[in-house]
N, C-alpha and C. Protein backbone atom coordinates (compact mmCIF):
# COMPACT_ATOMS: atom_id res chain seq x y z
N UNK A 1 -3.02 -21.50 -9.59
CA UNK A 1 -3.62 -21.57 -10.96
C UNK A 1 -3.82 -20.34 -11.67
N UNK A 2 -4.23 -19.24 -11.10
CA UNK A 2 -4.35 -18.12 -11.52
C UNK A 2 -2.88 -17.51 -12.10
N UNK A 3 -1.75 -17.74 -11.41
CA UNK A 3 -0.40 -17.45 -11.78
C UNK A 3 -0.12 -18.10 -13.32
N UNK A 4 -0.41 -19.42 -13.07
CA UNK A 4 -0.26 -20.20 -14.53
C UNK A 4 -1.15 -19.64 -15.59
N UNK A 5 -2.19 -19.52 -15.56
CA UNK A 5 -2.98 -18.89 -16.42
C UNK A 5 -2.55 -17.37 -16.87
N UNK A 6 -1.99 -16.59 -15.96
CA UNK A 6 -1.22 -15.39 -16.30
C UNK A 6 0.04 -15.49 -17.13
N UNK A 7 0.82 -16.56 -16.71
CA UNK A 7 1.97 -16.90 -17.54
C UNK A 7 1.67 -17.16 -19.01
N UNK A 8 0.64 -18.19 -18.96
CA UNK A 8 0.27 -18.64 -20.38
C UNK A 8 -0.23 -17.40 -21.16
N UNK A 9 -1.10 -16.58 -20.68
CA UNK A 9 -1.78 -15.45 -21.37
C UNK A 9 -0.57 -14.56 -21.72
N UNK A 10 0.52 -14.18 -20.90
CA UNK A 10 1.48 -13.31 -21.20
C UNK A 10 2.27 -13.83 -22.24
N UNK A 11 2.55 -15.14 -22.24
CA UNK A 11 3.15 -15.73 -23.39
C UNK A 11 2.51 -15.63 -24.69
N UNK A 12 1.17 -15.73 -24.66
CA UNK A 12 0.40 -15.66 -25.94
C UNK A 12 0.55 -14.24 -26.50
N UNK A 13 0.26 -13.21 -25.66
CA UNK A 13 0.40 -11.79 -25.95
C UNK A 13 1.75 -11.50 -26.46
N UNK A 14 2.84 -12.07 -25.84
CA UNK A 14 4.19 -11.66 -26.18
C UNK A 14 4.35 -12.28 -27.58
N UNK A 15 3.93 -13.52 -28.00
CA UNK A 15 3.96 -14.03 -29.33
C UNK A 15 3.12 -13.22 -30.41
N UNK A 16 1.92 -12.65 -29.85
CA UNK A 16 1.22 -11.84 -30.90
C UNK A 16 2.11 -10.58 -31.32
N UNK A 17 2.55 -9.89 -30.30
CA UNK A 17 3.36 -8.62 -30.42
C UNK A 17 4.74 -8.90 -31.07
N UNK A 18 5.42 -9.88 -30.64
CA UNK A 18 6.85 -10.00 -31.02
C UNK A 18 7.29 -11.22 -31.70
N UNK A 19 6.17 -12.03 -32.26
CA UNK A 19 6.38 -13.23 -32.93
C UNK A 19 6.62 -13.09 -34.24
N UNK A 20 6.50 -11.88 -35.10
CA UNK A 20 6.80 -11.76 -36.51
C UNK A 20 5.69 -11.06 -37.14
N UNK A 21 5.85 -10.91 -38.52
CA UNK A 21 4.82 -10.09 -39.16
C UNK A 21 3.45 -10.89 -39.39
N UNK A 22 3.59 -12.23 -39.28
CA UNK A 22 2.23 -12.93 -39.50
C UNK A 22 1.29 -12.48 -38.39
N UNK A 23 1.59 -12.40 -37.27
CA UNK A 23 0.69 -11.93 -36.19
C UNK A 23 0.31 -10.61 -36.28
N UNK A 24 0.73 -9.82 -37.08
CA UNK A 24 0.31 -8.39 -37.16
C UNK A 24 -1.08 -8.28 -37.19
N UNK A 25 -1.85 -8.95 -38.01
CA UNK A 25 -3.35 -8.88 -38.13
C UNK A 25 -4.04 -9.23 -36.63
N UNK A 26 -3.33 -10.09 -35.81
CA UNK A 26 -4.04 -10.48 -34.49
C UNK A 26 -4.09 -9.10 -33.62
N UNK A 27 -3.04 -8.41 -33.78
CA UNK A 27 -2.93 -7.34 -32.85
C UNK A 27 -4.20 -6.29 -33.14
N UNK A 28 -4.66 -6.30 -34.32
CA UNK A 28 -5.74 -5.42 -34.55
C UNK A 28 -7.05 -5.97 -33.97
N UNK A 29 -7.10 -7.17 -33.69
CA UNK A 29 -8.50 -7.61 -33.10
C UNK A 29 -8.76 -7.17 -31.83
N UNK A 30 -10.13 -6.71 -31.76
CA UNK A 30 -10.59 -6.01 -30.53
C UNK A 30 -10.54 -7.00 -29.22
N UNK A 31 -10.69 -8.35 -29.58
CA UNK A 31 -10.58 -9.37 -28.62
C UNK A 31 -9.29 -9.36 -27.89
N UNK A 32 -8.34 -9.25 -28.72
CA UNK A 32 -6.72 -9.33 -28.37
C UNK A 32 -6.66 -8.04 -27.46
N UNK A 33 -7.08 -6.99 -27.97
CA UNK A 33 -6.88 -5.72 -27.18
C UNK A 33 -7.61 -5.83 -25.76
N UNK A 34 -8.70 -6.41 -25.56
CA UNK A 34 -9.29 -6.62 -24.29
C UNK A 34 -8.34 -7.60 -23.48
N UNK A 35 -8.01 -8.66 -23.98
CA UNK A 35 -7.11 -9.54 -23.19
C UNK A 35 -5.80 -8.88 -22.78
N UNK A 36 -5.43 -7.99 -23.63
CA UNK A 36 -4.11 -7.29 -23.22
C UNK A 36 -4.39 -6.23 -22.02
N UNK A 37 -5.58 -5.60 -22.07
CA UNK A 37 -5.94 -4.66 -21.11
C UNK A 37 -6.31 -5.38 -19.68
N UNK A 38 -6.91 -6.61 -20.01
CA UNK A 38 -7.33 -7.40 -18.68
C UNK A 38 -6.03 -7.87 -18.12
N UNK A 39 -5.05 -8.24 -18.87
CA UNK A 39 -3.78 -8.73 -18.24
C UNK A 39 -2.96 -7.79 -17.49
N UNK A 40 -2.98 -6.46 -18.24
CA UNK A 40 -2.35 -5.36 -17.45
C UNK A 40 -3.16 -4.95 -16.08
N UNK A 41 -4.40 -5.23 -16.25
CA UNK A 41 -5.18 -4.83 -14.81
C UNK A 41 -5.10 -6.11 -13.84
N UNK A 42 -4.85 -7.21 -14.31
CA UNK A 42 -4.76 -8.37 -13.40
C UNK A 42 -3.38 -8.82 -12.81
N UNK A 43 -2.36 -8.47 -13.79
CA UNK A 43 -1.02 -9.04 -13.49
C UNK A 43 -0.01 -7.89 -13.56
N UNK A 44 1.10 -8.13 -12.86
CA UNK A 44 2.25 -7.00 -12.91
C UNK A 44 3.55 -7.74 -12.96
N UNK A 45 4.48 -7.22 -13.92
CA UNK A 45 5.69 -7.70 -13.94
C UNK A 45 6.71 -6.88 -13.02
N UNK A 46 7.33 -7.66 -12.08
CA UNK A 46 8.25 -7.13 -11.03
C UNK A 46 9.51 -7.85 -11.08
N UNK A 47 10.59 -7.29 -11.36
CA UNK A 47 11.89 -7.89 -11.47
C UNK A 47 11.78 -9.09 -12.38
N UNK A 48 11.37 -8.66 -13.60
CA UNK A 48 11.03 -9.62 -14.71
C UNK A 48 10.38 -11.04 -14.35
N UNK A 49 9.42 -10.88 -13.36
CA UNK A 49 8.64 -11.99 -12.94
C UNK A 49 7.16 -11.55 -12.93
N UNK A 50 6.38 -12.35 -13.52
CA UNK A 50 4.80 -12.00 -13.52
C UNK A 50 4.28 -12.48 -12.02
N UNK A 51 3.46 -11.38 -11.64
CA UNK A 51 2.82 -11.53 -10.34
C UNK A 51 1.34 -10.99 -10.48
N UNK A 52 0.35 -11.80 -9.71
CA UNK A 52 -0.88 -11.55 -9.69
C UNK A 52 -1.08 -10.35 -8.63
N UNK A 53 -1.87 -9.45 -9.25
CA UNK A 53 -1.89 -7.99 -8.51
C UNK A 53 -2.78 -8.34 -7.28
N UNK A 54 -2.18 -7.65 -6.23
CA UNK A 54 -2.98 -7.53 -5.04
C UNK A 54 -2.88 -6.25 -4.46
N UNK A 55 -3.82 -5.77 -3.62
CA UNK A 55 -3.87 -4.30 -3.07
C UNK A 55 -2.59 -4.02 -2.42
N UNK A 56 -2.07 -4.89 -1.62
CA UNK A 56 -0.81 -4.52 -0.76
C UNK A 56 0.40 -4.52 -1.57
N UNK A 57 0.45 -5.53 -2.44
CA UNK A 57 1.81 -5.73 -3.23
C UNK A 57 1.87 -4.82 -4.29
N UNK A 58 0.87 -4.76 -5.24
CA UNK A 58 1.16 -4.04 -6.48
C UNK A 58 0.05 -2.87 -6.72
N UNK A 59 -0.90 -2.97 -5.80
CA UNK A 59 -1.99 -2.04 -6.08
C UNK A 59 -2.96 -2.41 -7.41
N UNK A 60 -3.96 -1.68 -7.45
CA UNK A 60 -4.99 -2.00 -8.63
C UNK A 60 -4.89 -0.69 -9.46
N UNK A 61 -5.20 -0.91 -10.82
CA UNK A 61 -5.52 0.28 -11.49
C UNK A 61 -6.91 1.07 -11.06
N UNK A 62 -7.02 2.16 -11.51
CA UNK A 62 -8.28 3.00 -11.06
C UNK A 62 -9.59 2.01 -11.67
N UNK A 63 -10.56 1.96 -10.79
CA UNK A 63 -11.80 1.28 -11.02
C UNK A 63 -12.37 1.64 -12.33
N UNK A 64 -12.16 3.06 -12.65
CA UNK A 64 -12.89 3.65 -13.74
C UNK A 64 -12.38 3.16 -15.17
N UNK A 65 -11.19 2.57 -15.09
CA UNK A 65 -10.59 2.06 -16.38
C UNK A 65 -10.52 0.62 -16.42
N UNK A 66 -10.98 0.11 -15.45
CA UNK A 66 -10.84 -1.49 -15.47
C UNK A 66 -11.98 -2.11 -16.15
N UNK A 67 -11.63 -3.18 -16.80
CA UNK A 67 -12.65 -4.01 -17.51
C UNK A 67 -13.34 -5.01 -16.34
N UNK A 68 -14.55 -4.91 -16.14
CA UNK A 68 -15.26 -5.87 -15.27
C UNK A 68 -15.77 -7.07 -15.96
N UNK A 69 -16.04 -7.04 -17.21
CA UNK A 69 -16.48 -8.14 -18.04
C UNK A 69 -15.82 -8.17 -19.51
N UNK A 70 -15.35 -9.10 -19.96
CA UNK A 70 -14.81 -9.15 -21.38
C UNK A 70 -15.85 -9.04 -22.31
N UNK A 71 -17.06 -9.46 -21.86
CA UNK A 71 -18.23 -9.50 -22.90
C UNK A 71 -18.81 -7.99 -22.95
N UNK A 72 -18.72 -7.20 -21.91
CA UNK A 72 -19.15 -5.74 -22.05
C UNK A 72 -18.26 -4.94 -21.46
N UNK A 73 -17.26 -4.39 -22.19
CA UNK A 73 -16.14 -3.59 -21.61
C UNK A 73 -16.61 -2.22 -21.16
N UNK A 74 -17.84 -1.84 -21.40
CA UNK A 74 -18.32 -0.60 -20.81
C UNK A 74 -19.00 -0.66 -19.53
N UNK A 75 -19.09 -1.97 -19.00
CA UNK A 75 -19.77 -2.33 -17.65
C UNK A 75 -18.97 -1.84 -16.66
N UNK A 76 -19.35 -1.47 -15.52
CA UNK A 76 -18.58 -0.94 -14.29
C UNK A 76 -19.17 -1.44 -13.07
N UNK A 77 -18.43 -1.77 -12.12
CA UNK A 77 -18.90 -2.34 -10.87
C UNK A 77 -18.86 -1.21 -9.88
N UNK A 78 -19.86 -1.03 -8.96
CA UNK A 78 -19.96 -0.03 -7.87
C UNK A 78 -20.44 -0.62 -6.78
N UNK A 79 -20.07 0.04 -5.51
CA UNK A 79 -20.71 -0.39 -4.25
C UNK A 79 -21.16 1.01 -3.51
N UNK A 80 -22.41 0.73 -2.69
CA UNK A 80 -22.94 1.66 -1.80
C UNK A 80 -23.52 0.85 -0.71
N UNK A 81 -22.90 1.38 0.31
CA UNK A 81 -23.22 0.66 1.54
C UNK A 81 -22.78 -0.89 1.38
N UNK A 82 -23.84 -1.64 1.65
CA UNK A 82 -23.42 -3.21 1.53
C UNK A 82 -24.01 -3.74 0.25
N UNK A 83 -24.35 -2.99 -0.72
CA UNK A 83 -24.88 -3.49 -2.05
C UNK A 83 -24.00 -3.12 -3.04
N UNK A 84 -23.52 -4.24 -3.84
CA UNK A 84 -22.69 -4.26 -5.10
C UNK A 84 -23.54 -4.22 -6.25
N UNK A 85 -23.11 -3.17 -7.14
CA UNK A 85 -23.96 -3.00 -8.39
C UNK A 85 -23.04 -3.11 -9.56
N UNK A 86 -23.56 -3.67 -10.58
CA UNK A 86 -22.92 -3.68 -12.06
C UNK A 86 -23.77 -2.85 -12.90
N UNK A 87 -23.12 -1.65 -13.32
CA UNK A 87 -23.76 -0.72 -14.18
C UNK A 87 -23.14 -0.57 -15.51
């Protein structure tokens, strides 16, 4: 299901960027930029095919640039010993 969501989202973003001049105003929306960054963070294109990122196959971007929540893009996730924090 995650891969199908990724394909749908990638199609939407492709249409916004390459669908013509009407979409130009959509590119300027902060919510579209957040979606674009999350898709880069969660999916990778390998040999013209979309893949869900995993540590082994594609690796992950640095945690310091990852978006943990689309509602608060400045929030970060951190762990110390066995405790996980959202800061």
